[in-house]
Structure formats: structure tokens, C-alpha cells
Amino acid sequence: MAFSKDRAIVAQNATGAAGAIVAALLTNEDTVETALEMFNAVRTDIFEGSLALADGVIEGQETAPAKRSSAPRRSGGGGRSSGGGGKSDDAGAGVSLKFGKYQGQTISDVYADDPEYIEWLADTSNNEFIKGKCGEFLASVA
């Protein structure tokens, strides 16, 4: 598997959170082995849960079919969604939404049709991965 900056961040955050949780749960009677087992179990659960959240597959998350606009999509050319020299690809433009009314569409495609929705996601989304990617994309097209 290729290196992913986002997966590395999720792993780092999972490790920090697991350490804090285990430290709070440990008692004087716990052994080092018990602490390590607890840490590894908690870290794995946090990491896998964070990835699932980033992928939009957490149970109960909105999964309605994507709303398709009848308006034609803009392509590259002088539209605001072009992002300026490819930088927007690094800033989340190609990330597909896996939930909500634009499920299956990329951030840049949704921005071309409904920029306010991307701004709303960047400000209020519960999905920290998507919230960050929308913010990065908006910064790249500003």
C-alpha cells in the first residue's frame, strides 16, 4: 500500500488518543502486558473507526443517493473550480463524498454546481477528514 498522508495522520491521532485512554483506565494492579494489550486494542479500534468515518461508512451516517444536477458541468476552462495549476488536486479536489446529497461526486464537481455546500461542509461537517479537505480545496481556489 502506498503512503498516505491522511492515513498517517489518522494513525498518529489514534496512537495519542489510545495512550490517553489507557492511561486513564490503568490501575496500580495492572501489569505492563495488560497495559500493552489494552493500548493495542484501543488504538486499533480508534484507527479503524477513524478510517471508516473518513470513508463515510459509519453506521447511521446519511447515505441517500446523490442528487444529480441537470445543469451541465464546467470543465477546467475559466471556472472557479479549476483551482489554479493543479494545486487543487492536492487540496482534496478529487476526494469523493461518500454521504449526503452529493454522494459519489468529487469536491471539485460539487463546488462547480453548489459552492455553498462545500463551504458549509468546511464549516460544519462532523466528518473531520471531509471538513479538512473541503477547507483545503476552498483555500486553493480562493
Protein backbone atom coordinates (compact mmCIF):
# COMPACT_ATOMS: atom_id res chain seq x y z
CA MET A 1 0.00 0.00 0.00
CA ALA A 2 1.31 3.45 -0.92
CA PHE A 3 1.98 6.06 1.75
CA SER A 4 -1.00 8.24 2.53
CA LYS A 5 -0.52 11.44 4.49
CA ASP A 6 -4.12 11.27 5.70
CA ARG A 7 -3.76 7.65 6.91
CA ALA A 8 -0.54 8.59 8.71
CA ILE A 9 -2.32 11.44 10.49
CA VAL A 10 -5.18 9.12 11.47
CA ALA A 11 -2.65 6.59 12.82
CA GLN A 12 -0.84 9.27 14.80
CA ASN A 13 -4.08 10.60 16.27
CA ALA A 14 -5.24 7.07 17.13
CA THR A 15 -1.99 6.38 18.96
CA GLY A 16 -2.23 9.57 21.02
CA ALA A 17 -5.86 9.02 21.89
CA ALA A 18 -5.29 5.37 22.80
CA GLY A 19 -2.42 6.33 25.09
CA ALA A 20 -4.58 8.86 26.91
CA ILE A 21 -7.49 6.44 27.28
CA VAL A 22 -5.34 3.58 28.56
CA ALA A 23 -3.51 5.87 30.99
CA ALA A 24 -6.85 6.93 32.43
CA LEU A 25 -8.04 3.32 32.76
CA LEU A 26 -4.94 1.74 34.29
CA THR A 27 -4.85 0.84 37.95
CA ASN A 28 -1.90 0.03 40.18
CA GLU A 29 -2.72 -3.68 39.87
CA ASP A 30 -2.40 -3.75 36.03
CA THR A 31 0.74 -5.30 34.54
CA VAL A 32 2.75 -3.95 31.63
CA GLU A 33 1.37 -6.75 29.47
CA THR A 34 -2.19 -5.77 30.37
CA ALA A 35 -1.46 -2.14 29.55
CA LEU A 36 0.05 -3.05 26.17
CA GLU A 37 -2.91 -5.28 25.30
CA MET A 38 -5.35 -2.52 26.23
CA PHE A 39 -3.35 0.05 24.27
CA ASN A 40 -3.17 -2.06 21.11
CA ALA A 41 -6.88 -2.91 21.22
CA VAL A 42 -7.96 0.68 21.79
CA ARG A 43 -5.52 2.06 19.19
CA THR A 44 -6.75 -0.41 16.57
CA ASP A 45 -10.40 0.41 17.25
CA ILE A 46 -9.77 4.15 17.06
CA PHE A 47 -7.68 3.84 13.88
CA GLU A 48 -10.20 1.63 12.06
CA GLY A 49 -13.11 3.74 13.23
CA SER A 50 -11.40 6.93 12.09
CA LEU A 51 -10.73 5.47 8.65
CA ALA A 52 -14.32 4.29 8.40
CA LEU A 53 -15.51 7.77 9.35
CA ALA A 54 -13.25 9.34 6.73
CA ASP A 55 -14.60 6.92 4.14
CA GLY A 56 -18.17 7.72 5.16
CA VAL A 57 -19.14 4.20 6.20
CA ILE A 58 -20.05 4.71 9.84
CA GLU A 59 -23.46 3.19 10.63
CA GLY A 60 -26.16 5.82 10.79
CA GLN A 61 -24.38 8.27 8.52
CA GLU A 62 -26.55 9.67 5.77
CA THR A 63 -26.27 7.54 2.64
CA ALA A 64 -29.03 8.90 0.44
CA PRO A 65 -28.48 8.69 -3.31
CA ALA A 66 -26.57 11.61 -4.76
CA LYS A 67 -28.63 14.48 -6.05
CA ARG A 68 -27.74 15.00 -9.68
CA SER A 69 -27.99 18.45 -11.10
CA SER A 70 -29.46 18.85 -14.56
CA ALA A 71 -27.04 21.69 -15.24
CA PRO A 72 -24.01 20.77 -17.34
CA ARG A 73 -20.71 20.56 -15.52
CA ARG A 74 -17.99 23.09 -16.15
CA SER A 75 -14.75 21.65 -17.36
CA GLY A 76 -11.43 23.19 -16.40
CA GLY A 77 -11.51 26.25 -18.67
CA GLY A 78 -12.05 29.55 -16.69
CA GLY A 79 -14.40 28.24 -14.00
CA ARG A 80 -13.74 28.76 -10.35
CA SER A 81 -13.33 25.00 -9.88
CA SER A 82 -10.13 24.79 -11.92
CA GLY A 83 -8.09 25.52 -8.81
CA GLY A 84 -5.07 27.10 -10.45
CA GLY A 85 -2.35 24.88 -11.84
CA GLY A 86 -3.28 21.53 -10.36
CA LYS A 87 -2.84 22.57 -6.76
CA SER A 88 -6.48 21.76 -6.08
CA ASP A 89 -5.84 18.05 -6.74
CA ASP A 90 -3.53 18.06 -3.74
CA ALA A 91 -6.10 20.00 -1.78
CA GLY A 92 -8.92 17.48 -1.87
CA ALA A 93 -10.50 18.33 -5.23
CA GLY A 94 -10.57 14.67 -6.25
CA VAL A 95 -11.94 13.37 -2.94
CA SER A 96 -15.36 11.78 -3.45
CA LEU A 97 -18.13 12.40 -0.97
CA LYS A 98 -19.44 9.12 0.38
CA PHE A 99 -22.52 10.56 2.08
CA GLY A 100 -25.15 13.23 1.69
CA LYS A 101 -26.96 14.67 -1.26
CA TYR A 102 -23.84 14.69 -3.47
CA GLN A 103 -22.72 11.14 -2.64
CA GLY A 104 -20.28 9.82 -5.25
CA GLN A 105 -19.28 13.24 -6.58
CA THR A 106 -15.90 14.88 -6.01
CA ILE A 107 -15.43 18.05 -4.02
CA SER A 108 -14.49 19.96 -7.18
CA ASP A 109 -17.57 18.70 -9.07
CA VAL A 110 -19.88 19.70 -6.22
CA TYR A 111 -18.14 23.07 -5.96
CA ALA A 112 -18.79 23.70 -9.67
CA ASP A 113 -22.54 23.20 -9.09
CA ASP A 114 -23.02 24.24 -5.47
CA PRO A 115 -20.05 26.11 -3.91
CA GLU A 116 -22.11 26.98 -0.84
CA TYR A 117 -22.44 23.28 0.01
CA ILE A 118 -18.65 22.85 0.05
CA GLU A 119 -18.34 25.98 2.22
CA TRP A 120 -20.99 24.54 4.55
CA LEU A 121 -19.13 21.20 4.79
CA ALA A 122 -15.86 23.01 5.52
CA ASP A 123 -17.55 24.87 8.38
CA THR A 124 -19.92 22.32 9.91
CA SER A 125 -19.23 18.73 8.82
CA ASN A 126 -18.93 16.12 11.57
CA ASN A 127 -16.54 14.21 9.31
CA GLU A 128 -13.18 15.80 10.15
CA PHE A 129 -11.50 14.34 7.05
CA ILE A 130 -14.08 15.85 4.68
CA LYS A 131 -14.20 19.07 6.67
CA GLY A 132 -10.44 19.45 6.27
CA LYS A 133 -10.39 18.51 2.58
CA CYS A 134 -13.18 20.99 1.80
CA GLY A 135 -11.28 23.69 3.68
CA GLU A 136 -8.08 22.88 1.78
CA PHE A 137 -9.95 22.93 -1.53
CA LEU A 138 -11.58 26.28 -0.77
CA ALA A 139 -8.19 27.75 0.15
CA SER A 140 -6.75 26.51 -3.15
CA VAL A 141 -9.48 28.17 -5.24
CA ALA A 142 -9.56 31.42 -3.29
